[in-house]
Amino acid sequence: MRSGALRAALAAGLVIAASVAPVRATPVVSKDATLPVGSELNEELLDQPTELFGFDQAGGKRSYLFNLGDMLFSSSSIFGGKAADAGMSCNSCHQQGASNPKLFVPGLSAKPGTFDTTGSLFNAKADNGVFDPVTVPSLRGAKFIGPYGHDGRIASLREFIRNVIVNEFAGAEPSGQVLDALVTYVNEISFLPNEKMTSDGRLTDKASDAARRGEALFNKPFPKNASMSCATCHEADAAFVDHKVHDIGSGGYFKTKTLINAKFNAPYFHDGRFDSFDEVVGYFDKHYELGLSASEQSDLVAYLDAIGDADTPYTPNTVQAEIDELTAFISVLDVAIPARDKAVIRLAVDSVGAEWREVGENFPDRKDTSVEGGVAERMRARASVRDLVLTLRQVAMAAEADDFPEAARLYGQYRKTVAMVTPYLKAAEQYSLFNPRVHDKHFAALRQLAELAK
């Protein structure tokens, strides 16, 4: 679900028919690829970060603007230049609204999970001539943790999103509707539930004794400055932030980061210099002369681990999950076609068509020698995907010709076709990359071919 469209051409037996899409491979090994050799977008991820939305918790439902924003978040159409050519989207860096700890682009990343947003690769106009990669932030609870940017320079989420599109990834100036939709979507991305923590940031009886001792240390005044404690900046009842920037000796003023679900946000600090809570605690102990013993440091780490946890951090991707998501995406046509909104119709057809092609890649071609059995099922699944993409293209063509009744008819046909082919896709699932065993064997073979291609 939501994988990017990064392509790397590899020869030999693992080839998916061009009528669906060429094979993905990570990391990038082809010198002809849009991104530098060695780039990694973590596209082979099967168990994906769990995504939870505010309206889910409130018993509400998806709105038109939310579905549009959700779709745009996974679409390369809002970016420009090399980012669009590489099929990158917001989701490439913020997988399912979380961070992407494996994201790596040579020349822009110091280590996995970091990215220089002011480099020249994606937008020469933004190049500041300094190699200063920063960590990729999680967007969970984004509406509660402004200001935005590591240095807190952007006050509003709307302006932050616009800056990413236009300045970081050279996209065209987004319309008001596009920004409204993306803001609506991001504002709904929620923190994941954590049975070890109450809603006001206190530990529950599910937390360990070590974590409880760590909680006391977290709230204890610093020995060299009694007006400060860890909790001074990380306010437990305010999503563990204070909405301010501070100089903690890391090279400038940077905003306080939330600690909720932070267990899954490594690497840490604005520049990703630390890979673990142990290193973070060690740094603060030394910088602020806290004089913590080894056991006290261990207790603080246990506390950070407890409040940074989640009950269900990852969710397996499945055929049904893909179908459900693409059904939500394309539902924007329920409004766009009657409104004769050609721009949204084009965006929806292009974005959902590309997503369907990604789904098709998960059913390996008969030439893929890493997959055994289910040839007939895989071929029927691939053919079904092609039919869906073609029908969507006809919807767009009818709309461009101002024949909106025909566009509506074709859209209805598309929905019927999805229902008709769903059993074919599910029948092929056991022979697809949605099956962990097939998935692991397939990508192991790809990595072997990548090594041979070096």
Foldseek 3Di string as FASTA:
>chain_A
DLAFQAAEDFDDQQFFDPLLHTAHFPPHQDPPTLAHRRFGLPRLDFWFFDWAFQCVVVVHDDDLLQLQLLLQQSFLQQFDDSCSVRRHGVCSQAPSQAGFQQGDGPPAAPHRQWGNLQPPSQPVVSNPPDRFIWGRGRLAQVVLADDDDFQRPRGDPLVVVQCCRCPRRNGDRDDPSNSSSNVVNSNTGHFFAAQQADLQQDGDPVADPLLVLLVVQQPQAAPVGRVDGVCVALPSRRQGGDNFWDCLPPPDTTGGDGLALCQPRADDDGRRPRGALLVVLVSNCVSSVRPDDPSNSVSNRSNSPRRNNHPDGTHGDFLVNLLVSLVSNLCSCVVCLVVLPLVSLVSNLVSSLSSLSVLLSQLTAPSQPLFDDPNVLNVLSNVLSSVLSVLSVVLSVCSVVVNSVVSVVSVVVSVVSCVVCSVSSNVRRCRTCSNVVSSVSSNVVSVVSSVVVD
